[in-house]
Amino acid sequence: MQYKKLMDFVLQEKPDIIVLQEVNEDWVNNIKVLFERYPHRVIKAQHDNFGIAVFIKLEALVQKIVDLSEIEIPSIKSKFNVGDKIVHL
């Protein structure tokens, strides 16, 4: 897996928001160091390729898992402030 490449990239670039797809329990277990840096996060790990995660450094107003389809593919709804603007993701 590419855990180390992801971690190296994130630690170098220091993004405010990270969105990951195809997240499973192995990914969650191998990127836990991000939990400290990104206190606002929501993760829906799955055994198939539909797992998803959003990590945000900024204070999140809303972060929740939503189902936008009939075939139970999870999505994540996030709302947070960037300066004086509210951003929806």
N, C-alpha and C. Protein backbone atom coordinates (compact mmCIF):
# COMPACT_ATOMS: atom_id res chain seq x y z
N MET A 1 0.83 -1.19 0.00
CA MET A 1 0.00 0.00 0.00
C MET A 1 0.87 1.25 0.00
N GLN A 2 0.24 2.38 -0.21
CA GLN A 2 0.94 3.65 -0.38
C GLN A 2 0.84 4.56 0.85
N TYR A 3 0.70 3.96 2.03
CA TYR A 3 0.53 4.75 3.25
C TYR A 3 1.67 5.75 3.44
N LYS A 4 2.89 5.27 3.31
CA LYS A 4 4.05 6.12 3.56
C LYS A 4 4.11 7.28 2.57
N LYS A 5 3.80 7.03 1.31
CA LYS A 5 3.81 8.12 0.33
C LYS A 5 2.77 9.18 0.69
N LEU A 6 1.60 8.74 1.10
CA LEU A 6 0.57 9.69 1.51
C LEU A 6 1.04 10.49 2.72
N MET A 7 1.55 9.81 3.72
CA MET A 7 1.98 10.50 4.94
C MET A 7 3.10 11.49 4.64
N ASP A 8 4.08 11.09 3.83
CA ASP A 8 5.17 12.00 3.47
C ASP A 8 4.64 13.23 2.76
N PHE A 9 3.71 13.03 1.84
CA PHE A 9 3.12 14.14 1.10
C PHE A 9 2.37 15.09 2.02
N VAL A 10 1.53 14.55 2.88
CA VAL A 10 0.73 15.38 3.80
C VAL A 10 1.64 16.14 4.76
N LEU A 11 2.64 15.48 5.31
CA LEU A 11 3.53 16.15 6.26
C LEU A 11 4.36 17.23 5.58
N GLN A 12 4.66 17.07 4.31
CA GLN A 12 5.41 18.08 3.57
C GLN A 12 4.53 19.26 3.15
N GLU A 13 3.36 18.97 2.62
CA GLU A 13 2.49 20.02 2.06
C GLU A 13 1.59 20.70 3.09
N LYS A 14 1.26 19.99 4.16
CA LYS A 14 0.43 20.52 5.26
C LYS A 14 -0.91 21.10 4.77
N PRO A 15 -1.70 20.33 4.03
CA PRO A 15 -2.98 20.86 3.56
C PRO A 15 -3.96 21.08 4.72
N ASP A 16 -4.90 21.99 4.52
CA ASP A 16 -5.93 22.23 5.53
C ASP A 16 -7.03 21.17 5.47
N ILE A 17 -7.23 20.59 4.28
CA ILE A 17 -8.28 19.59 4.06
C ILE A 17 -7.71 18.41 3.29
N ILE A 18 -8.07 17.21 3.72
CA ILE A 18 -7.68 16.00 3.00
C ILE A 18 -8.95 15.18 2.76
N VAL A 19 -9.16 14.76 1.54
CA VAL A 19 -10.26 13.87 1.19
C VAL A 19 -9.65 12.60 0.63
N LEU A 20 -10.00 11.47 1.22
CA LEU A 20 -9.48 10.18 0.78
C LEU A 20 -10.63 9.28 0.35
N GLN A 21 -10.39 8.53 -0.71
CA GLN A 21 -11.36 7.56 -1.19
C GLN A 21 -10.76 6.16 -1.09
N GLU A 22 -11.62 5.16 -1.16
CA GLU A 22 -11.24 3.75 -1.08
C GLU A 22 -10.56 3.45 0.25
N VAL A 23 -11.08 4.04 1.32
CA VAL A 23 -10.52 3.88 2.67
C VAL A 23 -11.06 2.60 3.30
N ASN A 24 -10.14 1.77 3.79
CA ASN A 24 -10.52 0.58 4.54
C ASN A 24 -9.84 0.65 5.91
N GLU A 25 -10.06 -0.35 6.74
CA GLU A 25 -9.49 -0.35 8.10
C GLU A 25 -7.96 -0.32 8.09
N ASP A 26 -7.32 -0.97 7.12
CA ASP A 26 -5.86 -0.91 7.02
C ASP A 26 -5.38 0.53 6.84
N TRP A 27 -6.06 1.27 5.96
CA TRP A 27 -5.70 2.67 5.76
C TRP A 27 -5.87 3.46 7.06
N VAL A 28 -6.99 3.29 7.71
CA VAL A 28 -7.24 4.02 8.96
C VAL A 28 -6.15 3.72 9.98
N ASN A 29 -5.80 2.47 10.13
CA ASN A 29 -4.78 2.09 11.11
C ASN A 29 -3.40 2.63 10.77
N ASN A 30 -3.12 2.84 9.49
CA ASN A 30 -1.79 3.29 9.07
C ASN A 30 -1.66 4.80 8.91
N ILE A 31 -2.73 5.53 9.07
CA ILE A 31 -2.63 6.99 8.96
C ILE A 31 -3.10 7.69 10.24
N LYS A 32 -3.11 6.98 11.33
CA LYS A 32 -3.60 7.55 12.60
C LYS A 32 -2.81 8.77 13.07
N VAL A 33 -1.59 8.92 12.60
CA VAL A 33 -0.81 10.11 12.98
C VAL A 33 -1.52 11.38 12.51
N LEU A 34 -2.35 11.28 11.50
CA LEU A 34 -3.11 12.44 11.03
C LEU A 34 -4.17 12.89 12.02
N PHE A 35 -4.63 11.99 12.88
CA PHE A 35 -5.70 12.32 13.82
C PHE A 35 -5.33 13.49 14.71
N GLU A 36 -4.08 13.56 15.12
CA GLU A 36 -3.62 14.65 15.98
C GLU A 36 -3.59 15.98 15.24
N ARG A 37 -3.20 15.96 13.98
CA ARG A 37 -3.07 17.18 13.17
C ARG A 37 -4.41 17.65 12.59
N TYR A 38 -5.33 16.73 12.44
CA TYR A 38 -6.63 17.03 11.83
C TYR A 38 -7.73 16.63 12.81
N PRO A 39 -8.03 17.49 13.77
CA PRO A 39 -8.98 17.13 14.83
C PRO A 39 -10.42 16.98 14.35
N HIS A 40 -10.74 17.56 13.21
CA HIS A 40 -12.10 17.47 12.68
C HIS A 40 -12.08 16.51 11.50
N ARG A 41 -12.62 15.34 11.72
CA ARG A 41 -12.55 14.31 10.68
C ARG A 41 -13.77 13.41 10.78
N VAL A 42 -14.09 12.83 9.66
CA VAL A 42 -15.12 11.80 9.63
C VAL A 42 -14.62 10.73 8.67
N ILE A 43 -14.76 9.49 9.11
CA ILE A 43 -14.22 8.36 8.35
C ILE A 43 -15.28 7.29 8.25
N LYS A 44 -15.48 6.79 7.07
CA LYS A 44 -16.35 5.63 6.84
C LYS A 44 -15.52 4.60 6.10
N ALA A 45 -14.80 3.78 6.87
CA ALA A 45 -13.98 2.72 6.28
C ALA A 45 -14.89 1.58 5.86
N GLN A 46 -14.58 1.00 4.71
CA GLN A 46 -15.37 -0.12 4.19
C GLN A 46 -14.43 -1.16 3.61
N HIS A 47 -14.91 -2.39 3.56
CA HIS A 47 -14.10 -3.48 3.01
C HIS A 47 -14.05 -3.44 1.48
N ASP A 48 -14.96 -2.70 0.85
CA ASP A 48 -14.95 -2.57 -0.61
C ASP A 48 -14.22 -1.28 -0.98
N ASN A 49 -14.36 -0.83 -2.20
CA ASN A 49 -13.64 0.37 -2.61
C ASN A 49 -14.46 1.65 -2.45
N PHE A 50 -15.46 1.64 -1.57
CA PHE A 50 -16.30 2.82 -1.38
C PHE A 50 -16.09 3.52 -0.03
N GLY A 51 -15.03 3.17 0.68
CA GLY A 51 -14.73 3.88 1.92
C GLY A 51 -14.30 5.31 1.62
N ILE A 52 -14.52 6.20 2.57
CA ILE A 52 -14.22 7.61 2.35
C ILE A 52 -13.83 8.25 3.68
N ALA A 53 -13.01 9.31 3.60
CA ALA A 53 -12.62 10.04 4.81
C ALA A 53 -12.35 11.49 4.45
N VAL A 54 -12.69 12.39 5.38
CA VAL A 54 -12.37 13.81 5.24
C VAL A 54 -11.71 14.25 6.54
N PHE A 55 -10.54 14.86 6.40
CA PHE A 55 -9.78 15.39 7.53
C PHE A 55 -9.68 16.90 7.34
N ILE A 56 -10.03 17.67 8.38
CA ILE A 56 -10.02 19.13 8.29
C ILE A 56 -9.30 19.71 9.51
N LYS A 57 -8.35 20.60 9.26
CA LYS A 57 -7.69 21.32 10.36
C LYS A 57 -8.59 22.40 10.93
N LEU A 58 -9.36 23.04 10.04
CA LEU A 58 -10.24 24.14 10.43
C LEU A 58 -11.40 23.61 11.27
N GLU A 59 -12.00 24.48 12.04
CA GLU A 59 -13.14 24.05 12.84
C GLU A 59 -14.32 23.72 11.94
N ALA A 60 -14.80 22.51 12.05
CA ALA A 60 -15.92 22.07 11.24
C ALA A 60 -17.23 22.45 11.91
N LEU A 61 -18.14 23.02 11.13
CA LEU A 61 -19.47 23.33 11.62
C LEU A 61 -20.37 22.11 11.52
N VAL A 62 -20.19 21.35 10.45
CA VAL A 62 -20.94 20.11 10.21
C VAL A 62 -20.00 19.13 9.55
N GLN A 63 -20.02 17.90 9.99
CA GLN A 63 -19.33 16.80 9.31
C GLN A 63 -20.14 15.56 9.58
N LYS A 64 -20.68 14.98 8.51
CA LYS A 64 -21.47 13.78 8.72
C LYS A 64 -21.47 12.92 7.46
N ILE A 65 -21.72 11.66 7.67
CA ILE A 65 -21.84 10.72 6.57
C ILE A 65 -23.27 10.78 6.06
N VAL A 66 -23.40 10.87 4.75
CA VAL A 66 -24.72 10.91 4.13
C VAL A 66 -24.77 9.87 3.02
N ASP A 67 -25.96 9.40 2.74
CA ASP A 67 -26.16 8.43 1.67
C ASP A 67 -26.92 9.13 0.55
N LEU A 68 -26.26 9.32 -0.58
CA LEU A 68 -26.86 10.05 -1.69
C LEU A 68 -27.33 9.14 -2.81
N SER A 69 -27.25 7.84 -2.59
CA SER A 69 -27.65 6.91 -3.65
C SER A 69 -28.49 5.79 -3.07
N GLU A 70 -29.06 5.01 -3.94
CA GLU A 70 -29.88 3.87 -3.52
C GLU A 70 -29.04 2.62 -3.24
N ILE A 71 -27.76 2.66 -3.57
CA ILE A 71 -26.93 1.45 -3.42
C ILE A 71 -25.93 1.57 -2.26
N GLU A 72 -26.24 2.43 -1.30
CA GLU A 72 -25.48 2.55 -0.06
C GLU A 72 -24.00 2.84 -0.27
N ILE A 73 -23.72 3.85 -1.09
CA ILE A 73 -22.36 4.35 -1.24
C ILE A 73 -22.25 5.60 -0.38
N PRO A 74 -21.39 5.58 0.64
CA PRO A 74 -21.34 6.73 1.55
C PRO A 74 -20.70 7.95 0.91
N SER A 75 -21.18 9.10 1.33
CA SER A 75 -20.58 10.39 1.00
C SER A 75 -20.41 11.14 2.32
N ILE A 76 -19.64 12.19 2.28
CA ILE A 76 -19.44 12.98 3.49
C ILE A 76 -19.82 14.43 3.18
N LYS A 77 -20.62 14.99 4.07
CA LYS A 77 -21.00 16.39 3.99
C LYS A 77 -20.22 17.15 5.06
N SER A 78 -19.50 18.18 4.63
CA SER A 78 -18.74 19.00 5.57
C SER A 78 -19.08 20.47 5.33
N LYS A 79 -19.11 21.21 6.41
CA LYS A 79 -19.32 22.65 6.35
C LYS A 79 -18.38 23.28 7.36
N PHE A 80 -17.60 24.27 6.91
CA PHE A 80 -16.62 24.89 7.79
C PHE A 80 -16.35 26.32 7.35
N ASN A 81 -15.75 27.08 8.24
CA ASN A 81 -15.41 28.47 7.95
C ASN A 81 -14.01 28.58 7.39
N VAL A 82 -13.86 29.40 6.36
CA VAL A 82 -12.56 29.80 5.85
C VAL A 82 -12.58 31.32 5.85
N GLY A 83 -11.92 31.89 6.82
CA GLY A 83 -12.03 33.34 7.00
C GLY A 83 -13.45 33.69 7.37
N ASP A 84 -14.06 34.59 6.60
CA ASP A 84 -15.45 34.98 6.87
C ASP A 84 -16.43 34.28 5.94
N LYS A 85 -16.00 33.24 5.25
CA LYS A 85 -16.85 32.50 4.33
C LYS A 85 -17.16 31.11 4.87
N ILE A 86 -18.38 30.66 4.62
CA ILE A 86 -18.76 29.27 4.95
C ILE A 86 -18.58 28.45 3.69
N VAL A 87 -17.84 27.36 3.81
CA VAL A 87 -17.56 26.47 2.68
C VAL A 87 -18.29 25.16 2.89
N HIS A 88 -18.93 24.67 1.85
CA HIS A 88 -19.61 23.37 1.86
C HIS A 88 -18.80 22.42 0.98
N LEU A 89 -18.54 21.22 1.51
CA LEU A 89 -17.80 20.21 0.78
C LEU A 89 -18.64 18.94 0.76
